[in-house]
Amino acid sequence: MDDEKVWYQSRSVIGSAVTILALICGLFNLTVDAQAQGDIVNLTVVVVGVVGSAISIWGRVTATKTIATKVIK
């Protein structure tokens, strides 16, 4: 794999976290079926993308320096 991403963008990591939460819910007699777990993973991926994009936009809007247009060698 040549592509890199941060850990919180990984569907495997998010899926594992949701599974752990579902198991913890089981300790309290709350059930989360496989379909609901999949839905939670998909929703989490979307939310992480939206939050990341919003932070990027906020960072650019509040930045005090311009972006370099020259290639530095």
PDB file of N, CA and C in Angstrom:
ATOM      1  N   MET A   1       0.837  -1.186   0.000  1.00  0.00           N
ATOM      2  CA  MET A   1       0.000   0.000   0.000  1.00  0.00           C
ATOM      3  C   MET A   1       0.877   1.242   0.000  1.00  0.00           C
ATOM      4  N   ASP A   2       0.667   2.093  -0.975  1.00  0.00           N
ATOM      5  CA  ASP A   2       1.426   3.327  -1.062  1.00  0.00           C
ATOM      6  C   ASP A   2       0.684   4.507  -0.449  1.00  0.00           C
ATOM      7  N   ASP A   3      -0.620   4.433  -0.420  1.00  0.00           N
ATOM      8  CA  ASP A   3      -1.416   5.532   0.130  1.00  0.00           C
ATOM      9  C   ASP A   3      -1.339   5.506   1.653  1.00  0.00           C
ATOM     10  N   GLU A   4      -1.253   6.681   2.219  1.00  0.00           N
ATOM     11  CA  GLU A   4      -1.229   6.798   3.674  1.00  0.00           C
ATOM     12  C   GLU A   4      -2.424   7.609   4.137  1.00  0.00           C
ATOM     13  N   LYS A   5      -2.896   7.310   5.329  1.00  0.00           N
ATOM     14  CA  LYS A   5      -3.968   8.087   5.942  1.00  0.00           C
ATOM     15  C   LYS A   5      -3.771   8.033   7.441  1.00  0.00           C
ATOM     16  N   VAL A   6      -4.369   8.975   8.122  1.00  0.00           N
ATOM     17  CA  VAL A   6      -4.258   8.992   9.580  1.00  0.00           C
ATOM     18  C   VAL A   6      -5.174   7.920  10.161  1.00  0.00           C
ATOM     19  N   TRP A   7      -4.900   7.502  11.370  1.00  0.00           N
ATOM     20  CA  TRP A   7      -5.588   6.356  11.968  1.00  0.00           C
ATOM     21  C   TRP A   7      -7.095   6.546  12.043  1.00  0.00           C
ATOM     22  N   TYR A   8      -7.562   7.758  12.295  1.00  0.00           N
ATOM     23  CA  TYR A   8      -9.001   7.965  12.466  1.00  0.00           C
ATOM     24  C   TYR A   8      -9.769   7.998  11.148  1.00  0.00           C
ATOM     25  N   GLN A   9      -9.072   7.889  10.023  1.00  0.00           N
ATOM     26  CA  GLN A   9      -9.741   7.787   8.731  1.00  0.00           C
ATOM     27  C   GLN A   9      -9.846   6.331   8.276  1.00  0.00           C
ATOM     28  N   SER A  10      -9.366   5.424   9.078  1.00  0.00           N
ATOM     29  CA  SER A  10      -9.376   4.014   8.738  1.00  0.00           C
ATOM     30  C   SER A  10     -10.714   3.369   9.122  1.00  0.00           C
ATOM     31  N   ARG A  11     -11.377   2.774   8.125  1.00  0.00           N
ATOM     32  CA  ARG A  11     -12.638   2.082   8.411  1.00  0.00           C
ATOM     33  C   ARG A  11     -12.386   0.901   9.345  1.00  0.00           C
ATOM     34  N   SER A  12     -11.217   0.292   9.270  1.00  0.00           N
ATOM     35  CA  SER A  12     -10.898  -0.830  10.160  1.00  0.00           C
ATOM     36  C   SER A  12     -10.820  -0.381  11.609  1.00  0.00           C
ATOM     37  N   VAL A  13     -10.162   0.741  11.844  1.00  0.00           N
ATOM     38  CA  VAL A  13     -10.044   1.262  13.209  1.00  0.00           C
ATOM     39  C   VAL A  13     -11.413   1.676  13.737  1.00  0.00           C
ATOM     40  N   ILE A  14     -12.172   2.395  12.913  1.00  0.00           N
ATOM     41  CA  ILE A  14     -13.505   2.834  13.335  1.00  0.00           C
ATOM     42  C   ILE A  14     -14.408   1.627  13.580  1.00  0.00           C
ATOM     43  N   GLY A  15     -14.350   0.643  12.680  1.00  0.00           N
ATOM     44  CA  GLY A  15     -15.156  -0.564  12.852  1.00  0.00           C
ATOM     45  C   GLY A  15     -14.808  -1.311  14.128  1.00  0.00           C
ATOM     46  N   SER A  16     -13.511  -1.387  14.429  1.00  0.00           N
ATOM     47  CA  SER A  16     -13.083  -2.053  15.665  1.00  0.00           C
ATOM     48  C   SER A  16     -13.566  -1.298  16.897  1.00  0.00           C
ATOM     49  N   ALA A  17     -13.506   0.026  16.838  1.00  0.00           N
ATOM     50  CA  ALA A  17     -13.981   0.831  17.968  1.00  0.00           C
ATOM     51  C   ALA A  17     -15.477   0.639  18.181  1.00  0.00           C
ATOM     52  N   VAL A  18     -16.238   0.583  17.084  1.00  0.00           N
ATOM     53  CA  VAL A  18     -17.689   0.373  17.189  1.00  0.00           C
ATOM     54  C   VAL A  18     -17.971  -1.015  17.759  1.00  0.00           C
ATOM     55  N   THR A  19     -17.202  -2.005  17.335  1.00  0.00           N
ATOM     56  CA  THR A  19     -17.372  -3.363  17.870  1.00  0.00           C
ATOM     57  C   THR A  19     -17.106  -3.391  19.365  1.00  0.00           C
ATOM     58  N   ILE A  20     -16.056  -2.706  19.799  1.00  0.00           N
ATOM     59  CA  ILE A  20     -15.747  -2.643  21.234  1.00  0.00           C
ATOM     60  C   ILE A  20     -16.896  -1.978  21.990  1.00  0.00           C
ATOM     61  N   LEU A  21     -17.412  -0.878  21.440  1.00  0.00           N
ATOM     62  CA  LEU A  21     -18.545  -0.200  22.092  1.00  0.00           C
ATOM     63  C   LEU A  21     -19.776  -1.108  22.142  1.00  0.00           C
ATOM     64  N   ALA A  22     -20.006  -1.877  21.074  1.00  0.00           N
ATOM     65  CA  ALA A  22     -21.145  -2.802  21.057  1.00  0.00           C
ATOM     66  C   ALA A  22     -20.976  -3.875  22.122  1.00  0.00           C
ATOM     67  N   LEU A  23     -19.753  -4.351  22.297  1.00  0.00           N
ATOM     68  CA  LEU A  23     -19.489  -5.354  23.340  1.00  0.00           C
ATOM     69  C   LEU A  23     -19.703  -4.769  24.737  1.00  0.00           C
ATOM     70  N   ILE A  24     -19.272  -3.541  24.926  1.00  0.00           N
ATOM     71  CA  ILE A  24     -19.489  -2.874  26.220  1.00  0.00           C
ATOM     72  C   ILE A  24     -20.979  -2.685  26.472  1.00  0.00           C
ATOM     73  N   CYS A  25     -21.721  -2.317  25.426  1.00  0.00           N
ATOM     74  CA  CYS A  25     -23.176  -2.199  25.556  1.00  0.00           C
ATOM     75  C   CYS A  25     -23.788  -3.532  25.989  1.00  0.00           C
ATOM     76  N   GLY A  26     -23.234  -4.631  25.477  1.00  0.00           N
ATOM     77  CA  GLY A  26     -23.718  -5.960  25.849  1.00  0.00           C
ATOM     78  C   GLY A  26     -23.583  -6.232  27.334  1.00  0.00           C
ATOM     79  N   LEU A  27     -22.581  -5.643  27.953  1.00  0.00           N
ATOM     80  CA  LEU A  27     -22.410  -5.805  29.398  1.00  0.00           C
ATOM     81  C   LEU A  27     -23.579  -5.203  30.174  1.00  0.00           C
ATOM     82  N   PHE A  28     -24.236  -4.220  29.566  1.00  0.00           N
ATOM     83  CA  PHE A  28     -25.368  -3.549  30.192  1.00  0.00           C
ATOM     84  C   PHE A  28     -26.698  -3.995  29.585  1.00  0.00           C
ATOM     85  N   ASN A  29     -26.666  -5.172  28.938  1.00  0.00           N
ATOM     86  CA  ASN A  29     -27.847  -5.775  28.308  1.00  0.00           C
ATOM     87  C   ASN A  29     -28.464  -4.908  27.211  1.00  0.00           C
ATOM     88  N   LEU A  30     -27.639  -4.098  26.553  1.00  0.00           N
ATOM     89  CA  LEU A  30     -28.064  -3.326  25.392  1.00  0.00           C
ATOM     90  C   LEU A  30     -27.512  -4.031  24.157  1.00  0.00           C
ATOM     91  N   THR A  31     -28.341  -4.264  23.168  1.00  0.00           N
ATOM     92  CA  THR A  31     -27.867  -4.964  21.983  1.00  0.00           C
ATOM     93  C   THR A  31     -27.731  -4.008  20.793  1.00  0.00           C
ATOM     94  N   VAL A  32     -26.673  -4.215  20.037  1.00  0.00           N
ATOM     95  CA  VAL A  32     -26.421  -3.461  18.815  1.00  0.00           C
ATOM     96  C   VAL A  32     -26.164  -4.503  17.736  1.00  0.00           C
ATOM     97  N   ASP A  33     -27.119  -4.660  16.815  1.00  0.00           N
ATOM     98  CA  ASP A  33     -26.970  -5.690  15.789  1.00  0.00           C
ATOM     99  C   ASP A  33     -25.948  -5.269  14.730  1.00  0.00           C
ATOM    100  N   ALA A  34     -25.589  -6.215  13.868  1.00  0.00           N
ATOM    101  CA  ALA A  34     -24.557  -5.986  12.858  1.00  0.00           C
ATOM    102  C   ALA A  34     -24.931  -4.850  11.912  1.00  0.00           C
ATOM    103  N   GLN A  35     -26.187  -4.760  11.533  1.00  0.00           N
ATOM    104  CA  GLN A  35     -26.636  -3.682  10.639  1.00  0.00           C
ATOM    105  C   GLN A  35     -26.431  -2.319  11.293  1.00  0.00           C
ATOM    106  N   ALA A  36     -26.797  -2.217  12.549  1.00  0.00           N
ATOM    107  CA  ALA A  36     -26.627  -0.945  13.261  1.00  0.00           C
ATOM    108  C   ALA A  36     -25.145  -0.603  13.395  1.00  0.00           C
ATOM    109  N   GLN A  37     -24.305  -1.598  13.641  1.00  0.00           N
ATOM    110  CA  GLN A  37     -22.868  -1.360  13.733  1.00  0.00           C
ATOM    111  C   GLN A  37     -22.330  -0.823  12.409  1.00  0.00           C
ATOM    112  N   GLY A  38     -22.760  -1.406  11.301  1.00  0.00           N
ATOM    113  CA  GLY A  38     -22.344  -0.928   9.986  1.00  0.00           C
ATOM    114  C   GLY A  38     -22.791   0.501   9.733  1.00  0.00           C
ATOM    115  N   ASP A  39     -24.013   0.801  10.134  1.00  0.00           N
ATOM    116  CA  ASP A  39     -24.529   2.158   9.981  1.00  0.00           C
ATOM    117  C   ASP A  39     -23.728   3.156  10.817  1.00  0.00           C
ATOM    118  N   ILE A  40     -23.356   2.747  12.017  1.00  0.00           N
ATOM    119  CA  ILE A  40     -22.564   3.615  12.894  1.00  0.00           C
ATOM    120  C   ILE A  40     -21.197   3.881  12.275  1.00  0.00           C
ATOM    121  N   VAL A  41     -20.575   2.838  11.709  1.00  0.00           N
ATOM    122  CA  VAL A  41     -19.268   3.010  11.059  1.00  0.00           C
ATOM    123  C   VAL A  41     -19.384   3.992   9.898  1.00  0.00           C
ATOM    124  N   ASN A  42     -20.382   3.795   9.049  1.00  0.00           N
ATOM    125  CA  ASN A  42     -20.566   4.693   7.898  1.00  0.00           C
ATOM    126  C   ASN A  42     -20.809   6.131   8.341  1.00  0.00           C
ATOM    127  N   LEU A  43     -21.648   6.309   9.346  1.00  0.00           N
ATOM    128  CA  LEU A  43     -21.928   7.651   9.860  1.00  0.00           C
ATOM    129  C   LEU A  43     -20.665   8.281  10.447  1.00  0.00           C
ATOM    130  N   THR A  44     -19.883   7.502  11.163  1.00  0.00           N
ATOM    131  CA  THR A  44     -18.655   8.004  11.770  1.00  0.00           C
ATOM    132  C   THR A  44     -17.664   8.461  10.707  1.00  0.00           C
ATOM    133  N   VAL A  45     -17.540   7.676   9.626  1.00  0.00           N
ATOM    134  CA  VAL A  45     -16.636   8.056   8.533  1.00  0.00           C
ATOM    135  C   VAL A  45     -17.060   9.392   7.936  1.00  0.00           C
ATOM    136  N   VAL A  46     -18.354   9.579   7.731  1.00  0.00           N
ATOM    137  CA  VAL A  46     -18.859  10.838   7.178  1.00  0.00           C
ATOM    138  C   VAL A  46     -18.606  11.986   8.151  1.00  0.00           C
ATOM    139  N   VAL A  47     -18.900  11.778   9.415  1.00  0.00           N
ATOM    140  CA  VAL A  47     -18.720  12.839  10.421  1.00  0.00           C
ATOM    141  C   VAL A  47     -17.251  13.237  10.509  1.00  0.00           C
ATOM    142  N   VAL A  48     -16.343  12.265  10.517  1.00  0.00           N
ATOM    143  CA  VAL A  48     -14.908  12.567  10.580  1.00  0.00           C
ATOM    144  C   VAL A  48     -14.493  13.386   9.357  1.00  0.00           C
ATOM    145  N   GLY A  49     -15.012  13.039   8.184  1.00  0.00           N
ATOM    146  CA  GLY A  49     -14.706  13.802   6.975  1.00  0.00           C
ATOM    147  C   GLY A  49     -15.202  15.227   7.038  1.00  0.00           C
ATOM    148  N   VAL A  50     -16.413  15.402   7.530  1.00  0.00           N
ATOM    149  CA  VAL A  50     -16.996  16.744   7.633  1.00  0.00           C
ATOM    150  C   VAL A  50     -16.230  17.578   8.661  1.00  0.00           C
ATOM    151  N   VAL A  51     -15.939  16.997   9.800  1.00  0.00           N
ATOM    152  CA  VAL A  51     -15.206  17.730  10.839  1.00  0.00           C
ATOM    153  C   VAL A  51     -13.812  18.098  10.341  1.00  0.00           C
ATOM    154  N   GLY A  52     -13.132  17.160   9.688  1.00  0.00           N
ATOM    155  CA  GLY A  52     -11.803  17.449   9.150  1.00  0.00           C
ATOM    156  C   GLY A  52     -11.834  18.570   8.127  1.00  0.00           C
ATOM    157  N   SER A  53     -12.828  18.547   7.253  1.00  0.00           N
ATOM    158  CA  SER A  53     -12.969  19.603   6.247  1.00  0.00           C
ATOM    159  C   SER A  53     -13.259  20.948   6.897  1.00  0.00           C
ATOM    160  N   ALA A  54     -14.133  20.950   7.891  1.00  0.00           N
ATOM    161  CA  ALA A  54     -14.467  22.197   8.589  1.00  0.00           C
ATOM    162  C   ALA A  54     -13.242  22.774   9.292  1.00  0.00           C
ATOM    163  N   ILE A  55     -12.437  21.928   9.899  1.00  0.00           N
ATOM    164  CA  ILE A  55     -11.222  22.402  10.568  1.00  0.00           C
ATOM    165  C   ILE A  55     -10.238  22.971   9.547  1.00  0.00           C
ATOM    166  N   SER A  56     -10.131  22.335   8.393  1.00  0.00           N
ATOM    167  CA  SER A  56      -9.244  22.839   7.337  1.00  0.00           C
ATOM    168  C   SER A  56      -9.688  24.212   6.858  1.00  0.00           C
ATOM    169  N   ILE A  57     -10.970  24.369   6.622  1.00  0.00           N
ATOM    170  CA  ILE A  57     -11.500  25.667   6.176  1.00  0.00           C
ATOM    171  C   ILE A  57     -11.295  26.727   7.247  1.00  0.00           C
ATOM    172  N   TRP A  58     -11.600  26.402   8.487  1.00  0.00           N
ATOM    173  CA  TRP A  58     -11.414  27.336   9.588  1.00  0.00           C
ATOM    174  C   TRP A  58      -9.946  27.734   9.704  1.00  0.00           C
ATOM    175  N   GLY A  59      -9.048  26.765   9.558  1.00  0.00           N
ATOM    176  CA  GLY A  59      -7.624  27.057   9.636  1.00  0.00           C
ATOM    177  C   GLY A  59      -7.169  28.001   8.546  1.00  0.00           C
ATOM    178  N   ARG A  60      -7.680  27.811   7.341  1.00  0.00           N
ATOM    179  CA  ARG A  60      -7.288  28.683   6.231  1.00  0.00           C
ATOM    180  C   ARG A  60      -7.878  30.078   6.400  1.00  0.00           C
ATOM    181  N   VAL A  61      -9.108  30.166   6.847  1.00  0.00           N
ATOM    182  CA  VAL A  61      -9.766  31.463   7.025  1.00  0.00           C
ATOM    183  C   VAL A  61      -9.092  32.277   8.126  1.00  0.00           C
ATOM    184  N   THR A  62      -8.667  31.630   9.178  1.00  0.00           N
ATOM    185  CA  THR A  62      -8.065  32.338  10.310  1.00  0.00           C
ATOM    186  C   THR A  62      -6.545  32.445  10.209  1.00  0.00           C
ATOM    187  N   ALA A  63      -5.958  31.921   9.145  1.00  0.00           N
ATOM    188  CA  ALA A  63      -4.501  31.956   8.975  1.00  0.00           C
ATOM    189  C   ALA A  63      -4.013  33.393   8.851  1.00  0.00           C
ATOM    190  N   THR A  64      -2.816  33.634   9.348  1.00  0.00           N
ATOM    191  CA  THR A  64      -2.243  34.975   9.285  1.00  0.00           C
ATOM    192  C   THR A  64      -1.163  35.095   8.219  1.00  0.00           C
ATOM    193  N   LYS A  65      -0.804  33.987   7.580  1.00  0.00           N
ATOM    194  CA  LYS A  65       0.211  34.005   6.535  1.00  0.00           C
ATOM    195  C   LYS A  65      -0.376  33.438   5.251  1.00  0.00           C
ATOM    196  N   THR A  66       0.150  33.902   4.129  1.00  0.00           N
ATOM    197  CA  THR A  66      -0.313  33.403   2.845  1.00  0.00           C
ATOM    198  C   THR A  66       0.343  32.067   2.507  1.00  0.00           C
ATOM    199  N   ILE A  67      -0.211  31.375   1.558  1.00  0.00           N
ATOM    200  CA  ILE A  67       0.353  30.121   1.104  1.00  0.00           C
ATOM    201  C   ILE A  67       1.402  30.419   0.044  1.00  0.00           C
ATOM    202  N   ALA A  68       2.571  29.812   0.173  1.00  0.00           N
ATOM    203  CA  ALA A  68       3.663  30.038  -0.773  1.00  0.00           C
ATOM    204  C   ALA A  68       3.264  29.514  -2.140  1.00  0.00           C
ATOM    205  N   THR A  69       3.573  30.318  -3.180  1.00  0.00           N
ATOM    206  CA  THR A  69       3.262  29.882  -4.543  1.00  0.00           C
ATOM    207  C   THR A  69       4.518  29.452  -5.287  1.00  0.00           C
ATOM    208  N   LYS A  70       5.678  29.676  -4.710  1.00  0.00           N
ATOM    209  CA  LYS A  70       6.935  29.259  -5.312  1.00  0.00           C
ATOM    210  C   LYS A  70       7.331  27.884  -4.793  1.00  0.00           C
ATOM    211  N   VAL A  71       7.988  27.130  -5.638  1.00  0.00           N
ATOM    212  CA  VAL A  71       8.519  25.843  -5.207  1.00  0.00           C
ATOM    213  C   VAL A  71       9.884  26.088  -4.610  1.00  0.00           C
ATOM    214  N   ILE A  72      10.049  25.687  -3.378  1.00  0.00           N
ATOM    215  CA  ILE A  72      11.318  25.886  -2.687  1.00  0.00           C
ATOM    216  C   ILE A  72      12.196  24.667  -2.941  1.00  0.00           C
ATOM    217  N   LYS A  73      13.407  24.926  -3.408  1.00  0.00           N
ATOM    218  CA  LYS A  73      14.340  23.831  -3.704  1.00  0.00           C
ATOM    219  C   LYS A  73      15.330  23.631  -2.621  1.00  0.00           C
TER     220      LYS A  73
END
